[in-house]
Amino acid sequence: MTDDPLLIAALVACAAVLIILLLGINSFRKGGADAAKESNKFMRWRLGAQFVAILLILAFVYFRRQSGG
């Protein structure tokens, strides 16, 4: 199962979501007007990355069920 490229892509996407989330939180922690804009930018990127990660996870589950294992 760990050699499945779709699973690996989903795990990488989840890691990317975590990294983007941490960057956004760190930017928010700094404070200030510029930091708020930067934090907002990171959170928009996070939403997109989460969307991709969820699609990859759903595709992995779908194809895993189709192959019977």
Protein backbone atom coordinates (compact mmCIF):
# COMPACT_ATOMS: atom_id res chain seq x y z
CA MET A 1 0.00 0.00 0.00
CA THR A 2 2.86 2.43 0.72
CA ASP A 3 4.13 2.06 -2.84
CA ASP A 4 0.85 3.45 -4.23
CA PRO A 5 1.63 6.76 -5.97
CA LEU A 6 -1.83 8.15 -5.22
CA LEU A 7 -1.35 7.55 -1.49
CA ILE A 8 2.07 9.18 -1.59
CA ALA A 9 0.62 12.20 -3.43
CA ALA A 10 -2.18 12.47 -0.84
CA LEU A 11 0.33 12.33 2.03
CA VAL A 12 2.52 14.98 0.40
CA ALA A 13 -0.57 17.17 -0.09
CA CYS A 14 -1.50 16.75 3.59
CA ALA A 15 2.04 17.70 4.60
CA ALA A 16 1.82 20.77 2.35
CA VAL A 17 -1.44 21.77 4.07
CA LEU A 18 0.25 21.48 7.46
CA ILE A 19 3.24 23.56 6.36
CA ILE A 20 1.02 26.28 4.86
CA LEU A 21 -1.10 26.30 8.03
CA LEU A 22 1.97 26.74 10.23
CA LEU A 23 3.30 29.53 8.00
CA GLY A 24 -0.07 31.30 8.21
CA ILE A 25 -0.25 30.97 11.98
CA ASN A 26 3.31 32.24 12.32
CA SER A 27 2.51 35.22 10.10
CA PHE A 28 -0.64 35.93 12.13
CA ARG A 29 1.37 35.75 15.35
CA LYS A 30 3.69 38.54 14.21
CA GLY A 31 0.84 41.06 14.09
CA GLY A 32 0.55 44.28 12.11
CA ALA A 33 -1.25 45.20 8.89
CA ASP A 34 1.26 43.58 6.56
CA ALA A 35 1.30 40.40 8.61
CA ALA A 36 -2.49 40.23 8.46
CA LYS A 37 -2.42 40.43 4.67
CA GLU A 38 0.28 37.78 4.52
CA SER A 39 -1.61 35.54 6.92
CA ASN A 40 -4.75 35.91 4.83
CA LYS A 41 -2.78 34.95 1.72
CA PHE A 42 -1.46 31.82 3.45
CA MET A 43 -4.94 30.83 4.59
CA ARG A 44 -6.27 31.14 1.01
CA TRP A 45 -3.41 28.93 -0.16
CA ARG A 46 -4.29 26.48 2.62
CA LEU A 47 -7.87 26.22 1.41
CA GLY A 48 -6.68 25.38 -2.09
CA ALA A 49 -4.18 22.85 -0.78
CA GLN A 50 -6.85 21.25 1.42
CA PHE A 51 -9.16 20.96 -1.58
CA VAL A 52 -6.45 19.17 -3.57
CA ALA A 53 -5.58 16.93 -0.60
CA ILE A 54 -9.21 15.92 -0.10
CA LEU A 55 -9.61 15.15 -3.81
CA LEU A 56 -6.49 12.97 -3.71
CA ILE A 57 -7.69 11.13 -0.60
CA LEU A 58 -11.11 10.53 -2.15
CA ALA A 59 -9.50 9.31 -5.38
CA PHE A 60 -7.27 6.96 -3.39
CA VAL A 61 -10.25 5.50 -1.51
CA TYR A 62 -12.34 5.23 -4.69
CA PHE A 63 -9.66 3.41 -6.69
CA ARG A 64 -8.71 1.25 -3.73
CA ARG A 65 -12.33 0.05 -3.45
CA GLN A 66 -12.58 -0.50 -7.20
CA SER A 67 -9.51 -2.74 -7.21
CA GLY A 68 -10.93 -4.77 -4.31
CA GLY A 69 -8.18 -4.28 -1.89
